[in-house]
Structures are given as C-alpha cells and as structure tokens.
C-alpha cells in the first residue's frame, strides 16, 4: 500500500512540474547520465493526508491557471480573426 501512495504522489508531482513548466515533455536532444539522491521521509497517515491535500489544492490552482490561459488565448485568437 505504501508503494502505491508513493507512486501516486510521484505522479502528482510530475503532473505539477509539467503544468508549471519546471520540466518539459519534449524529447531529450542529448542523452546525459546523471546521479541523483532521493530521500523519502516516512510520514504517518495524517501527515500523508496533509501532503496529498496540499498537492490537490495546488493542482486545482494550476487547473484554474490553465483555464484562464485558455480563455486568454481564445480571446486573442478571436481578436486576431476580427482584425482588432
């Protein structure tokens, strides 16, 4: 069960990083080898729920930002089409 929670959190973090532009889903032009260290802090159920709630709140904020950007893009496209 703990592994599934960690995988879910990792997926949420990846989604948030993609949505905020911190990482890109474009193909890598150059292959590089890197070393990284990951530290996983074991959290109790309440702490884990708090982390998940914060992540979900941030995702909701990002979704709102995306909708606002889509609306702005649509507005700009419409202005361009009408010649304004």
PDB file of N, CA and C in Angstrom:
ATOM      1  N   UNK A   1       0.824  -1.195   0.000  1.00  0.00           N
ATOM      2  CA  UNK A   1       0.000   0.000   0.000  1.00  0.00           C
ATOM      3  C   UNK A   1       0.862   1.250   0.000  1.00  0.00           C
ATOM      4  N   UNK A   2       1.931   1.259   0.784  1.00  0.00           N
ATOM      5  CA  UNK A   2       2.814   2.416   0.851  1.00  0.00           C
ATOM      6  C   UNK A   2       3.444   2.733  -0.500  1.00  0.00           C
ATOM      7  N   UNK A   3       3.755   1.688  -1.265  1.00  0.00           N
ATOM      8  CA  UNK A   3       4.355   1.890  -2.579  1.00  0.00           C
ATOM      9  C   UNK A   3       3.383   2.582  -3.519  1.00  0.00           C
ATOM     10  N   UNK A   4       2.102   2.212  -3.467  1.00  0.00           N
ATOM     11  CA  UNK A   4       1.099   2.850  -4.322  1.00  0.00           C
ATOM     12  C   UNK A   4       0.924   4.319  -3.965  1.00  0.00           C
ATOM     13  N   UNK A   5       0.995   4.636  -2.685  1.00  0.00           N
ATOM     14  CA  UNK A   5       0.876   6.035  -2.252  1.00  0.00           C
ATOM     15  C   UNK A   5       2.056   6.835  -2.786  1.00  0.00           C
ATOM     16  N   UNK A   6       3.247   6.270  -2.681  1.00  0.00           N
ATOM     17  CA  UNK A   6       4.443   6.958  -3.179  1.00  0.00           C
ATOM     18  C   UNK A   6       4.347   7.143  -4.693  1.00  0.00           C
ATOM     19  N   UNK A   7       3.862   6.130  -5.408  1.00  0.00           N
ATOM     20  CA  UNK A   7       3.705   6.245  -6.855  1.00  0.00           C
ATOM     21  C   UNK A   7       2.677   7.321  -7.203  1.00  0.00           C
ATOM     22  N   UNK A   8       1.587   7.395  -6.442  1.00  0.00           N
ATOM     23  CA  UNK A   8       0.566   8.408  -6.686  1.00  0.00           C
ATOM     24  C   UNK A   8       1.119   9.806  -6.446  1.00  0.00           C
ATOM     25  N   UNK A   9       1.877   9.960  -5.389  1.00  0.00           N
ATOM     26  CA  UNK A   9       2.487  11.265  -5.091  1.00  0.00           C
ATOM     27  C   UNK A   9       3.487  11.637  -6.181  1.00  0.00           C
ATOM     28  N   UNK A  10       4.277  10.671  -6.613  1.00  0.00           N
ATOM     29  CA  UNK A  10       5.245  10.938  -7.671  1.00  0.00           C
ATOM     30  C   UNK A  10       4.532  11.373  -8.957  1.00  0.00           C
ATOM     31  N   UNK A  11       3.410  10.733  -9.275  1.00  0.00           N
ATOM     32  CA  UNK A  11       2.644  11.111 -10.460  1.00  0.00           C
ATOM     33  C   UNK A  11       2.094  12.525 -10.321  1.00  0.00           C
ATOM     34  N   UNK A  12       1.593  12.868  -9.133  1.00  0.00           N
ATOM     35  CA  UNK A  12       1.084  14.227  -8.910  1.00  0.00           C
ATOM     36  C   UNK A  12       2.200  15.266  -9.020  1.00  0.00           C
ATOM     37  N   UNK A  13       3.362  14.953  -8.475  1.00  0.00           N
ATOM     38  CA  UNK A  13       4.494  15.875  -8.565  1.00  0.00           C
ATOM     39  C   UNK A  13       4.936  16.052 -10.018  1.00  0.00           C
ATOM     40  N   UNK A  14       4.949  14.968 -10.772  1.00  0.00           N
ATOM     41  CA  UNK A  14       5.312  15.047 -12.184  1.00  0.00           C
ATOM     42  C   UNK A  14       4.316  15.912 -12.944  1.00  0.00           C
ATOM     43  N   UNK A  15       3.034  15.691 -12.698  1.00  0.00           N
ATOM     44  CA  UNK A  15       1.997  16.491 -13.350  1.00  0.00           C
ATOM     45  C   UNK A  15       2.161  17.969 -13.005  1.00  0.00           C
ATOM     46  N   UNK A  16       2.396  18.267 -11.729  1.00  0.00           N
ATOM     47  CA  UNK A  16       2.563  19.666 -11.308  1.00  0.00           C
ATOM     48  C   UNK A  16       3.796  20.284 -11.959  1.00  0.00           C
ATOM     49  N   UNK A  17       4.882  19.534 -12.043  1.00  0.00           N
ATOM     50  CA  UNK A  17       6.101  20.059 -12.663  1.00  0.00           C
ATOM     51  C   UNK A  17       5.893  20.320 -14.150  1.00  0.00           C
ATOM     52  N   UNK A  18       5.182  19.416 -14.830  1.00  0.00           N
ATOM     53  CA  UNK A  18       4.879  19.629 -16.244  1.00  0.00           C
ATOM     54  C   UNK A  18       3.977  20.847 -16.425  1.00  0.00           C
ATOM     55  N   UNK A  19       2.965  20.957 -15.576  1.00  0.00           N
ATOM     56  CA  UNK A  19       1.997  22.045 -15.696  1.00  0.00           C
ATOM     57  C   UNK A  19       2.619  23.411 -15.436  1.00  0.00           C
ATOM     58  N   UNK A  20       3.593  23.473 -14.563  1.00  0.00           N
ATOM     59  CA  UNK A  20       4.214  24.754 -14.230  1.00  0.00           C
ATOM     60  C   UNK A  20       5.421  25.061 -15.102  1.00  0.00           C
ATOM     61  N   UNK A  21       5.762  24.146 -15.995  1.00  0.00           N
ATOM     62  CA  UNK A  21       6.881  24.386 -16.893  1.00  0.00           C
ATOM     63  C   UNK A  21       8.243  24.138 -16.255  1.00  0.00           C
ATOM     64  N   UNK A  22       8.259  23.549 -15.082  1.00  0.00           N
ATOM     65  CA  UNK A  22       9.536  23.261 -14.426  1.00  0.00           C
ATOM     66  C   UNK A  22      10.289  22.156 -15.161  1.00  0.00           C
ATOM     67  N   UNK A  23       9.538  21.274 -15.815  1.00  0.00           N
ATOM     68  CA  UNK A  23      10.147  20.279 -16.685  1.00  0.00           C
ATOM     69  C   UNK A  23       9.346  20.255 -17.979  1.00  0.00           C
ATOM     70  N   UNK A  24       9.914  19.688 -18.998  1.00  0.00           N
ATOM     71  CA  UNK A  24       9.266  19.663 -20.304  1.00  0.00           C
ATOM     72  C   UNK A  24       9.058  18.218 -20.728  1.00  0.00           C
ATOM     73  N   UNK A  25       8.009  18.002 -21.500  1.00  0.00           N
ATOM     74  CA  UNK A  25       7.766  16.660 -22.019  1.00  0.00           C
ATOM     75  C   UNK A  25       8.339  16.510 -23.428  1.00  0.00           C
ATOM     76  N   UNK A  26       9.120  17.511 -23.873  1.00  0.00           N
ATOM     77  CA  UNK A  26       9.770  17.415 -25.175  1.00  0.00           C
ATOM     78  C   UNK A  26      10.869  16.361 -25.119  1.00  0.00           C
ATOM     79  N   UNK A  27      11.156  15.745 -26.261  1.00  0.00           N
ATOM     80  CA  UNK A  27      12.209  14.729 -26.268  1.00  0.00           C
ATOM     81  C   UNK A  27      13.569  15.326 -25.896  1.00  0.00           C
ATOM     82  N   UNK A  28      14.375  14.524 -25.280  1.00  0.00           N
ATOM     83  CA  UNK A  28      15.719  14.956 -24.904  1.00  0.00           C
ATOM     84  C   UNK A  28      16.593  14.947 -26.152  1.00  0.00           C
ATOM     85  N   UNK A  29      17.263  16.060 -26.413  1.00  0.00           N
ATOM     86  CA  UNK A  29      18.096  16.168 -27.599  1.00  0.00           C
ATOM     87  C   UNK A  29      19.440  15.466 -27.406  1.00  0.00           C
ATOM     88  N   UNK A  30      19.881  15.433 -26.195  1.00  0.00           N
ATOM     89  CA  UNK A  30      21.186  14.885 -25.900  1.00  0.00           C
ATOM     90  C   UNK A  30      21.057  13.969 -24.686  1.00  0.00           C
ATOM     91  N   UNK A  31      21.541  12.775 -24.817  1.00  0.00           N
ATOM     92  CA  UNK A  31      21.452  11.838 -23.708  1.00  0.00           C
ATOM     93  C   UNK A  31      22.563  12.133 -22.712  1.00  0.00           C
ATOM     94  N   UNK A  32      22.199  12.236 -21.454  1.00  0.00           N
ATOM     95  CA  UNK A  32      23.175  12.526 -20.406  1.00  0.00           C
ATOM     96  C   UNK A  32      22.972  11.544 -19.265  1.00  0.00           C
ATOM     97  N   UNK A  33      24.069  11.229 -18.601  1.00  0.00           N
ATOM     98  CA  UNK A  33      23.988  10.401 -17.409  1.00  0.00           C
ATOM     99  C   UNK A  33      24.104  11.308 -16.200  1.00  0.00           C
ATOM    100  N   UNK A  34      23.191  11.161 -15.284  1.00  0.00           N
ATOM    101  CA  UNK A  34      23.235  11.959 -14.070  1.00  0.00           C
ATOM    102  C   UNK A  34      23.019  11.055 -12.868  1.00  0.00           C
ATOM    103  N   UNK A  35      23.527  11.503 -11.745  1.00  0.00           N
ATOM    104  CA  UNK A  35      23.290  10.797 -10.496  1.00  0.00           C
ATOM    105  C   UNK A  35      22.386  11.655  -9.638  1.00  0.00           C
ATOM    106  N   UNK A  36      21.506  11.022  -8.955  1.00  0.00           N
ATOM    107  CA  UNK A  36      20.613  11.768  -8.072  1.00  0.00           C
ATOM    108  C   UNK A  36      20.378  10.964  -6.806  1.00  0.00           C
ATOM    109  N   UNK A  37      20.061  11.680  -5.766  1.00  0.00           N
ATOM    110  CA  UNK A  37      19.744  11.039  -4.493  1.00  0.00           C
ATOM    111  C   UNK A  37      18.324  11.426  -4.120  1.00  0.00           C
ATOM    112  N   UNK A  38      17.557  10.454  -3.752  1.00  0.00           N
ATOM    113  CA  UNK A  38      16.183  10.698  -3.337  1.00  0.00           C
ATOM    114  C   UNK A  38      16.059  10.296  -1.875  1.00  0.00           C
ATOM    115  N   UNK A  39      15.552  11.220  -1.094  1.00  0.00           N
ATOM    116  CA  UNK A  39      15.316  10.928   0.312  1.00  0.00           C
ATOM    117  C   UNK A  39      13.814  10.876   0.530  1.00  0.00           C
ATOM    118  N   UNK A  40      13.352   9.778   1.050  1.00  0.00           N
ATOM    119  CA  UNK A  40      11.922   9.622   1.310  1.00  0.00           C
ATOM    120  C   UNK A  40      11.720   9.627   2.814  1.00  0.00           C
ATOM    121  N   UNK A  41      10.949  10.585   3.268  1.00  0.00           N
ATOM    122  CA  UNK A  41      10.647  10.678   4.692  1.00  0.00           C
ATOM    123  C   UNK A  41       9.364   9.888   4.927  1.00  0.00           C
ATOM    124  N   UNK A  42       9.400   9.008   5.873  1.00  0.00           N
ATOM    125  CA  UNK A  42       8.217   8.227   6.183  1.00  0.00           C
ATOM    126  C   UNK A  42       7.257   9.093   6.995  1.00  0.00           C
ATOM    127  N   UNK A  43       6.054   9.200   6.511  1.00  0.00           N
ATOM    128  CA  UNK A  43       5.045  10.028   7.154  1.00  0.00           C
ATOM    129  C   UNK A  43       3.941   9.143   7.715  1.00  0.00           C
ATOM    130  N   UNK A  44       3.338   9.604   8.782  1.00  0.00           N
ATOM    131  CA  UNK A  44       2.192   8.858   9.282  1.00  0.00           C
ATOM    132  C   UNK A  44       0.978   9.215   8.422  1.00  0.00           C
ATOM    133  N   UNK A  45      -0.114   8.568   8.648  1.00  0.00           N
ATOM    134  CA  UNK A  45      -1.303   8.725   7.818  1.00  0.00           C
ATOM    135  C   UNK A  45      -1.787  10.178   7.780  1.00  0.00           C
ATOM    136  N   UNK A  46      -1.794  10.857   8.919  1.00  0.00           N
ATOM    137  CA  UNK A  46      -2.266  12.248   8.963  1.00  0.00           C
ATOM    138  C   UNK A  46      -1.346  13.167   8.174  1.00  0.00           C
ATOM    139  N   UNK A  47      -0.038  12.968   8.338  1.00  0.00           N
ATOM    140  CA  UNK A  47       0.914  13.795   7.595  1.00  0.00           C
ATOM    141  C   UNK A  47       0.786  13.551   6.097  1.00  0.00           C
ATOM    142  N   UNK A  48       0.619  12.292   5.722  1.00  0.00           N
ATOM    143  CA  UNK A  48       0.475  11.943   4.306  1.00  0.00           C
ATOM    144  C   UNK A  48      -0.788  12.576   3.742  1.00  0.00           C
ATOM    145  N   UNK A  49      -1.877  12.538   4.490  1.00  0.00           N
ATOM    146  CA  UNK A  49      -3.126  13.140   4.020  1.00  0.00           C
ATOM    147  C   UNK A  49      -2.969  14.650   3.843  1.00  0.00           C
ATOM    148  N   UNK A  50      -2.238  15.288   4.749  1.00  0.00           N
ATOM    149  CA  UNK A  50      -1.983  16.724   4.651  1.00  0.00           C
ATOM    150  C   UNK A  50      -1.190  17.041   3.379  1.00  0.00           C
ATOM    151  N   UNK A  51      -0.161  16.242   3.107  1.00  0.00           N
ATOM    152  CA  UNK A  51       0.638  16.437   1.896  1.00  0.00           C
ATOM    153  C   UNK A  51      -0.232  16.260   0.655  1.00  0.00           C
ATOM    154  N   UNK A  52      -1.040  15.226   0.636  1.00  0.00           N
ATOM    155  CA  UNK A  52      -1.911  14.968  -0.515  1.00  0.00           C
ATOM    156  C   UNK A  52      -2.918  16.104  -0.681  1.00  0.00           C
ATOM    157  N   UNK A  53      -3.501  16.575   0.410  1.00  0.00           N
ATOM    158  CA  UNK A  53      -4.456  17.686   0.332  1.00  0.00           C
ATOM    159  C   UNK A  53      -3.806  18.944  -0.238  1.00  0.00           C
ATOM    160  N   UNK A  54      -2.583  19.225   0.195  1.00  0.00           N
ATOM    161  CA  UNK A  54      -1.860  20.397  -0.327  1.00  0.00           C
ATOM    162  C   UNK A  54      -1.576  20.238  -1.813  1.00  0.00           C
ATOM    163  N   UNK A  55      -1.195  19.033  -2.212  1.00  0.00           N
ATOM    164  CA  UNK A  55      -0.910  18.783  -3.627  1.00  0.00           C
ATOM    165  C   UNK A  55      -2.174  18.931  -4.458  1.00  0.00           C
ATOM    166  N   UNK A  56      -3.278  18.410  -3.970  1.00  0.00           N
ATOM    167  CA  UNK A  56      -4.537  18.530  -4.702  1.00  0.00           C
ATOM    168  C   UNK A  56      -4.983  19.986  -4.801  1.00  0.00           C
ATOM    169  N   UNK A  57      -4.773  20.753  -3.744  1.00  0.00           N
ATOM    170  CA  UNK A  57      -5.104  22.179  -3.775  1.00  0.00           C
ATOM    171  C   UNK A  57      -4.250  22.896  -4.816  1.00  0.00           C
ATOM    172  N   UNK A  58      -2.975  22.546  -4.882  1.00  0.00           N
ATOM    173  CA  UNK A  58      -2.076  23.172  -5.869  1.00  0.00           C
ATOM    174  C   UNK A  58      -2.484  22.782  -7.287  1.00  0.00           C
ATOM    175  N   UNK A  59      -2.873  21.546  -7.487  1.00  0.00           N
ATOM    176  CA  UNK A  59      -3.324  21.098  -8.802  1.00  0.00           C
ATOM    177  C   UNK A  59      -4.579  21.863  -9.208  1.00  0.00           C
ATOM    178  N   UNK A  60      -5.478  22.076  -8.261  1.00  0.00           N
ATOM    179  CA  UNK A  60      -6.687  22.858  -8.536  1.00  0.00           C
ATOM    180  C   UNK A  60      -6.320  24.273  -8.957  1.00  0.00           C
ATOM    181  N   UNK A  61      -5.352  24.877  -8.265  1.00  0.00           N
ATOM    182  CA  UNK A  61      -4.891  26.216  -8.643  1.00  0.00           C
ATOM    183  C   UNK A  61      -4.319  26.207 -10.057  1.00  0.00           C
ATOM    184  N   UNK A  62      -3.523  25.188 -10.369  1.00  0.00           N
ATOM    185  CA  UNK A  62      -2.920  25.090 -11.691  1.00  0.00           C
ATOM    186  C   UNK A  62      -3.981  24.904 -12.769  1.00  0.00           C
ATOM    187  N   UNK A  63      -5.004  24.108 -12.468  1.00  0.00           N
ATOM    188  CA  UNK A  63      -6.092  23.911 -13.421  1.00  0.00           C
ATOM    189  C   UNK A  63      -6.799  25.234 -13.701  1.00  0.00           C
ATOM    190  N   UNK A  64      -7.006  26.045 -12.673  1.00  0.00           N
ATOM    191  CA  UNK A  64      -7.626  27.357 -12.855  1.00  0.00           C
ATOM    192  C   UNK A  64      -6.744  28.256 -13.716  1.00  0.00           C
ATOM    193  N   UNK A  65      -5.429  28.207 -13.472  1.00  0.00           N
ATOM    194  CA  UNK A  65      -4.498  28.990 -14.274  1.00  0.00           C
ATOM    195  C   UNK A  65      -4.550  28.570 -15.742  1.00  0.00           C
ATOM    196  N   UNK A  66      -4.617  27.260 -15.974  1.00  0.00           N
ATOM    197  CA  UNK A  66      -4.684  26.743 -17.342  1.00  0.00           C
ATOM    198  C   UNK A  66      -5.970  27.228 -18.015  1.00  0.00           C
ATOM    199  N   UNK A  67      -7.085  27.174 -17.311  1.00  0.00           N
ATOM    200  CA  UNK A  67      -8.348  27.643 -17.880  1.00  0.00           C
ATOM    201  C   UNK A  67      -8.279  29.136 -18.208  1.00  0.00           C
ATOM    202  N   UNK A  68      -7.669  29.922 -17.326  1.00  0.00           N
ATOM    203  CA  UNK A  68      -7.530  31.358 -17.572  1.00  0.00           C
ATOM    204  C   UNK A  68      -6.658  31.599 -18.808  1.00  0.00           C
ATOM    205  N   UNK A  69      -5.589  30.829 -18.944  1.00  0.00           N
ATOM    206  CA  UNK A  69      -4.726  30.961 -20.118  1.00  0.00           C
ATOM    207  C   UNK A  69      -5.461  30.564 -21.390  1.00  0.00           C
ATOM    208  N   UNK A  70      -6.239  29.509 -21.316  1.00  0.00           N
ATOM    209  CA  UNK A  70      -7.021  29.100 -22.492  1.00  0.00           C
ATOM    210  C   UNK A  70      -8.005  30.189 -22.895  1.00  0.00           C
ATOM    211  N   UNK A  71      -8.652  30.792 -21.911  1.00  0.00           N
ATOM    212  CA  UNK A  71      -9.598  31.870 -22.199  1.00  0.00           C
ATOM    213  C   UNK A  71      -8.874  33.048 -22.843  1.00  0.00           C
ATOM    214  N   UNK A  72      -7.705  33.381 -22.351  1.00  0.00           N
ATOM    215  CA  UNK A  72      -6.923  34.497 -22.913  1.00  0.00           C
ATOM    216  C   UNK A  72      -6.487  34.181 -24.341  1.00  0.00           C
ATOM    217  N   UNK A  73      -6.055  32.954 -24.580  1.00  0.00           N
ATOM    218  CA  UNK A  73      -5.655  32.542 -25.928  1.00  0.00           C
ATOM    219  C   UNK A  73      -6.841  32.631 -26.878  1.00  0.00           C
ATOM    220  N   UNK A  74      -7.996  32.145 -26.433  1.00  0.00           N
ATOM    221  CA  UNK A  74      -9.204  32.213 -27.262  1.00  0.00           C
ATOM    222  C   UNK A  74      -9.544  33.665 -27.574  1.00  0.00           C
ATOM    223  N   UNK A  75      -9.460  34.514 -26.577  1.00  0.00           N
ATOM    224  CA  UNK A  75      -9.740  35.940 -26.757  1.00  0.00           C
ATOM    225  C   UNK A  75      -8.789  36.546 -27.789  1.00  0.00           C
ATOM    226  N   UNK A  76      -7.496  36.236 -27.658  1.00  0.00           N
ATOM    227  CA  UNK A  76      -6.504  36.769 -28.596  1.00  0.00           C
ATOM    228  C   UNK A  76      -6.739  36.248 -30.014  1.00  0.00           C
ATOM    229  N   UNK A  77      -7.086  34.974 -30.135  1.00  0.00           N
ATOM    230  CA  UNK A  77      -7.369  34.409 -31.455  1.00  0.00           C
ATOM    231  C   UNK A  77      -8.583  35.092 -32.077  1.00  0.00           C
ATOM    232  N   UNK A  78      -9.622  35.301 -31.261  1.00  0.00           N
ATOM    233  CA  UNK A  78     -10.829  35.964 -31.771  1.00  0.00           C
ATOM    234  C   UNK A  78     -10.523  37.392 -32.209  1.00  0.00           C
ATOM    235  N   UNK A  79      -9.709  38.105 -31.428  1.00  0.00           N
ATOM    236  CA  UNK A  79      -9.314  39.462 -31.798  1.00  0.00           C
ATOM    237  C   UNK A  79      -8.523  39.466 -33.092  1.00  0.00           C
ATOM    238  N   UNK A  80      -7.661  38.463 -33.253  1.00  0.00           N
ATOM    239  CA  UNK A  80      -6.853  38.356 -34.462  1.00  0.00           C
ATOM    240  C   UNK A  80      -7.731  38.083 -35.674  1.00  0.00           C
ATOM    241  N   UNK A  81      -8.737  37.238 -35.489  1.00  0.00           N
ATOM    242  CA  UNK A  81      -9.634  36.898 -36.595  1.00  0.00           C
ATOM    243  C   UNK A  81     -10.507  38.080 -37.011  1.00  0.00           C
ATOM    244  N   UNK A  82     -10.892  38.879 -36.038  1.00  0.00           N
ATOM    245  CA  UNK A  82     -11.743  40.026 -36.351  1.00  0.00           C
ATOM    246  C   UNK A  82     -10.931  41.256 -36.729  1.00  0.00           C
ATOM    247  N   UNK A  83      -9.600  41.153 -36.659  1.00  0.00           N
ATOM    248  CA  UNK A  83      -8.743  42.250 -37.057  1.00  0.00           C
ATOM    249  C   UNK A  83      -8.599  43.348 -36.031  1.00  0.00           C
ATOM    250  N   UNK A  84      -8.881  43.061 -34.796  1.00  0.00           N
ATOM    251  CA  UNK A  84      -8.782  44.085 -33.744  1.00  0.00           C
ATOM    252  C   UNK A  84      -7.426  44.070 -33.103  1.00  0.00           C
TER     253      UNK A  84
END
